[in-house]
Amino acid sequence: MSGRYDAVVLLGVELDERDQPTQEMRLRAQAAAQALSCNPGVPAVVCGGVLPGHAIAEADALAELLMDSGVAPARILLEHQSRDTMENLRFAARLLGGARGRRVLVVTSDYHMRRARMTARRIGLRADGFAARMPHDAAWRVLWLKEWAYCFDLMMGWQDEGRARPEWTYRLFAKVFGTGAQGQKPEGD
């Protein structure tokens, strides 16, 4: 995990219905704090905007958890605009002055790591990963399966700027996973 990184990039995850950190958010923040302790002097780019139905940005909640773990506020760069993985990484790269040549350590949940690293590399970041280990229960298995669908989505280029996934994919996603009604972006993207 230690090495020469330009930043540790902590990806956002949705707050609970009361705008409180979820277990998953807490585990991601703990993993990021550990990564930062192994990489002294490296800044943390903490990602996540205000999602519909929420009043607090994911980045603010994650930054609070990092500071509670002893990370100095001066090491934390906040990215408040993103709503999904692609935006997390695209906007993090902008905060770092662009993706070209930047080496980052991406911190996210274990089920999400494959796509997060693929996404970082797609936008031009040199990315390694450090995963927060989640409880491998039935909910985790559903999330893990969804990630394969999102990886396909990424490989098809449907997450690239200016592109949109075909309408049929929303219907298929809703049928398989019971989320993402027709014409709406599936949750957890």
Protein backbone atom coordinates (compact mmCIF):
# COMPACT_ATOMS: atom_id res chain seq x y z
CA MET A 1 0.00 0.00 0.00
CA SER A 2 2.82 2.42 0.66
CA GLY A 3 4.58 3.95 -2.28
CA ARG A 4 4.79 7.19 -4.10
CA TYR A 5 1.26 8.54 -4.55
CA ASP A 6 0.09 11.98 -5.49
CA ALA A 7 -3.05 11.42 -3.43
CA VAL A 8 -5.23 8.94 -1.61
CA VAL A 9 -8.67 9.23 -3.22
CA LEU A 10 -11.55 8.24 -0.94
CA LEU A 11 -14.70 7.54 -2.96
CA GLY A 12 -18.06 8.66 -1.66
CA VAL A 13 -20.91 6.42 -0.59
CA GLU A 14 -24.46 7.44 0.25
CA LEU A 15 -25.44 8.49 3.77
CA ASP A 16 -28.37 6.83 5.53
CA GLU A 17 -31.88 8.32 5.45
CA ARG A 18 -31.05 10.54 8.49
CA ASP A 19 -27.88 11.90 6.81
CA GLN A 20 -25.70 9.82 9.12
CA PRO A 21 -22.70 7.72 8.03
CA THR A 22 -23.53 4.11 7.17
CA GLN A 23 -21.39 1.16 8.23
CA GLU A 24 -19.97 1.11 4.70
CA MET A 25 -19.00 4.79 4.91
CA ARG A 26 -17.32 4.22 8.26
CA LEU A 27 -15.36 1.24 6.91
CA ARG A 28 -14.21 3.25 3.88
CA ALA A 29 -13.07 6.11 6.13
CA GLN A 30 -11.18 3.68 8.40
CA ALA A 31 -9.42 2.17 5.38
CA ALA A 32 -8.53 5.65 4.10
CA ALA A 33 -7.13 6.65 7.51
CA GLN A 34 -4.98 3.53 7.45
CA ALA A 35 -3.79 4.28 3.90
CA LEU A 36 -2.94 7.85 4.89
CA SER A 37 -0.97 6.70 7.94
CA CYS A 38 1.16 4.54 5.62
CA ASN A 39 1.66 7.47 3.23
CA PRO A 40 2.64 10.48 5.37
CA GLY A 41 2.42 13.82 3.66
CA VAL A 42 0.15 12.53 0.88
CA PRO A 43 -3.14 14.45 0.65
CA ALA A 44 -6.56 12.83 0.72
CA VAL A 45 -9.09 13.77 -1.92
CA VAL A 46 -12.45 13.02 -0.31
CA CYS A 47 -15.27 12.68 -2.84
CA GLY A 48 -19.02 12.96 -2.81
CA GLY A 49 -21.66 15.59 -3.34
CA VAL A 50 -25.15 16.04 -1.96
CA LEU A 51 -27.39 13.33 -3.40
CA PRO A 52 -31.16 13.78 -3.86
CA GLY A 53 -32.98 13.38 -0.56
CA HIS A 54 -29.95 14.44 1.47
CA ALA A 55 -28.83 17.72 3.03
CA ILE A 56 -25.17 16.83 3.60
CA ALA A 57 -22.39 16.12 1.11
CA GLU A 58 -20.82 12.68 1.35
CA ALA A 59 -17.38 14.33 1.29
CA ASP A 60 -18.16 16.35 4.42
CA ALA A 61 -19.30 13.28 6.35
CA LEU A 62 -16.25 11.29 5.21
CA ALA A 63 -13.88 14.15 6.09
CA GLU A 64 -15.37 14.30 9.60
CA LEU A 65 -14.76 10.57 10.02
CA LEU A 66 -11.16 10.98 8.82
CA MET A 67 -10.54 13.81 11.26
CA ASP A 68 -12.07 11.70 14.06
CA SER A 69 -9.43 9.08 13.12
CA GLY A 70 -6.64 11.62 13.55
CA VAL A 71 -6.13 12.79 9.96
CA ALA A 72 -5.10 16.45 9.95
CA PRO A 73 -7.64 18.73 8.24
CA ALA A 74 -4.82 20.30 6.21
CA ARG A 75 -4.35 16.95 4.39
CA ILE A 76 -7.99 16.80 3.23
CA LEU A 77 -9.15 18.17 -0.13
CA LEU A 78 -12.92 18.12 -0.51
CA GLU A 79 -14.70 17.31 -3.76
CA HIS A 80 -18.38 18.24 -3.37
CA GLN A 81 -19.82 17.89 -6.89
CA SER A 82 -19.80 14.17 -7.71
CA ARG A 83 -22.80 11.87 -7.69
CA ASP A 84 -21.27 8.61 -8.94
CA THR A 85 -17.97 6.76 -9.34
CA MET A 86 -17.02 8.31 -12.67
CA GLU A 87 -17.63 11.82 -11.33
CA ASN A 88 -15.79 11.00 -8.06
CA LEU A 89 -12.64 10.21 -10.02
CA ARG A 90 -13.04 12.79 -12.78
CA PHE A 91 -13.48 15.62 -10.28
CA ALA A 92 -10.73 14.27 -8.00
CA ALA A 93 -8.36 14.39 -10.98
CA ARG A 94 -9.33 18.03 -11.59
CA LEU A 95 -8.51 18.89 -7.97
CA LEU A 96 -5.09 17.30 -8.51
CA GLY A 97 -4.45 19.41 -11.61
CA GLY A 98 -5.41 16.73 -14.14
CA ALA A 99 -5.14 12.98 -14.49
CA ARG A 100 -2.08 12.74 -16.73
CA GLY A 101 0.80 11.17 -14.83
CA ARG A 102 -0.97 11.25 -11.46
CA ARG A 103 -0.57 8.16 -9.32
CA VAL A 104 -3.35 7.65 -6.79
CA LEU A 105 -4.38 5.12 -4.19
CA VAL A 106 -8.14 4.64 -4.54
CA VAL A 107 -10.01 3.69 -1.36
CA THR A 108 -13.45 2.16 -1.68
CA SER A 109 -15.41 -0.94 -0.65
CA ASP A 110 -14.08 -4.36 -1.66
CA TYR A 111 -17.01 -5.18 -3.97
CA HIS A 112 -16.51 -1.82 -5.75
CA MET A 113 -12.72 -1.89 -6.20
CA ARG A 114 -12.50 -3.49 -9.65
CA ARG A 115 -14.72 -0.86 -11.27
CA ALA A 116 -13.17 2.00 -9.29
CA ARG A 117 -9.68 1.14 -10.54
CA MET A 118 -10.96 0.59 -14.10
CA THR A 119 -12.68 3.98 -13.97
CA ALA A 120 -9.60 5.75 -12.62
CA ARG A 121 -7.47 4.26 -15.37
CA ARG A 122 -10.07 5.11 -18.02
CA ILE A 123 -9.75 8.80 -17.16
CA GLY A 124 -5.95 8.61 -17.15
CA LEU A 125 -4.98 8.14 -13.51
CA ARG A 126 -2.36 5.56 -12.56
CA ALA A 127 -4.37 3.84 -9.86
CA ASP A 128 -3.74 1.27 -7.17
CA GLY A 129 -6.45 0.27 -4.74
CA PHE A 130 -6.95 -0.24 -1.03
CA ALA A 131 -10.27 -1.87 -0.19
CA ALA A 132 -12.44 -1.55 2.87
CA ARG A 133 -13.52 -5.09 3.63
CA MET A 134 -17.28 -5.33 3.92
CA PRO A 135 -19.29 -8.08 5.63
CA HIS A 136 -19.81 -10.72 2.93
CA ASP A 137 -23.52 -11.24 3.48
CA ALA A 138 -26.49 -11.50 1.09
CA ALA A 139 -26.57 -7.71 0.54
CA TRP A 140 -22.86 -7.75 -0.33
CA ARG A 141 -23.45 -10.48 -2.95
CA VAL A 142 -26.11 -8.34 -4.65
CA LEU A 143 -23.77 -5.34 -4.68
CA TRP A 144 -20.95 -7.50 -6.05
CA LEU A 145 -23.21 -8.73 -8.90
CA LYS A 146 -24.31 -5.17 -9.69
CA GLU A 147 -20.66 -4.20 -10.03
CA TRP A 148 -20.24 -6.66 -12.91
CA ALA A 149 -23.11 -4.90 -14.70
CA TYR A 150 -21.48 -1.52 -14.04
CA CYS A 151 -18.12 -2.85 -15.30
CA PHE A 152 -19.83 -3.86 -18.56
CA ASP A 153 -21.37 -0.38 -18.68
CA LEU A 154 -17.90 1.13 -18.25
CA MET A 155 -16.30 -1.11 -20.90
CA MET A 156 -19.02 -0.14 -23.39
CA GLY A 157 -18.15 3.53 -22.85
CA TRP A 158 -21.61 4.41 -21.58
CA GLN A 159 -20.12 6.30 -18.61
CA ASP A 160 -17.86 8.48 -20.75
CA GLU A 161 -18.61 12.21 -20.86
CA GLY A 162 -21.30 12.98 -23.41
CA ARG A 163 -22.41 9.34 -23.68
CA ALA A 164 -25.53 7.72 -22.30
CA ARG A 165 -26.39 4.10 -21.77
CA PRO A 166 -29.16 2.74 -24.01
CA GLU A 167 -32.68 2.77 -22.62
CA TRP A 168 -32.95 -1.04 -22.68
CA THR A 169 -30.18 -1.31 -20.09
CA TYR A 170 -32.27 0.55 -17.50
CA ARG A 171 -35.16 -1.88 -18.01
CA LEU A 172 -32.82 -4.87 -17.77
CA PHE A 173 -31.16 -3.52 -14.62
CA ALA A 174 -34.58 -2.92 -13.02
CA LYS A 175 -35.72 -6.43 -13.91
CA VAL A 176 -32.58 -8.15 -12.58
CA PHE A 177 -31.93 -6.01 -9.49
CA GLY A 178 -35.32 -4.42 -8.82
CA THR A 179 -33.89 -0.88 -8.97
CA GLY A 180 -33.25 1.81 -11.53
CA ALA A 181 -36.70 2.45 -12.98
CA GLN A 182 -36.96 3.12 -16.69
CA GLY A 183 -35.22 6.34 -17.63
CA GLN A 184 -33.55 6.73 -14.24
CA LYS A 185 -29.97 6.07 -13.33
CA PRO A 186 -29.73 2.94 -11.14
CA GLU A 187 -28.88 3.60 -7.48
CA GLY A 188 -25.37 3.00 -6.20
CA ASP A 189 -23.69 3.91 -9.46
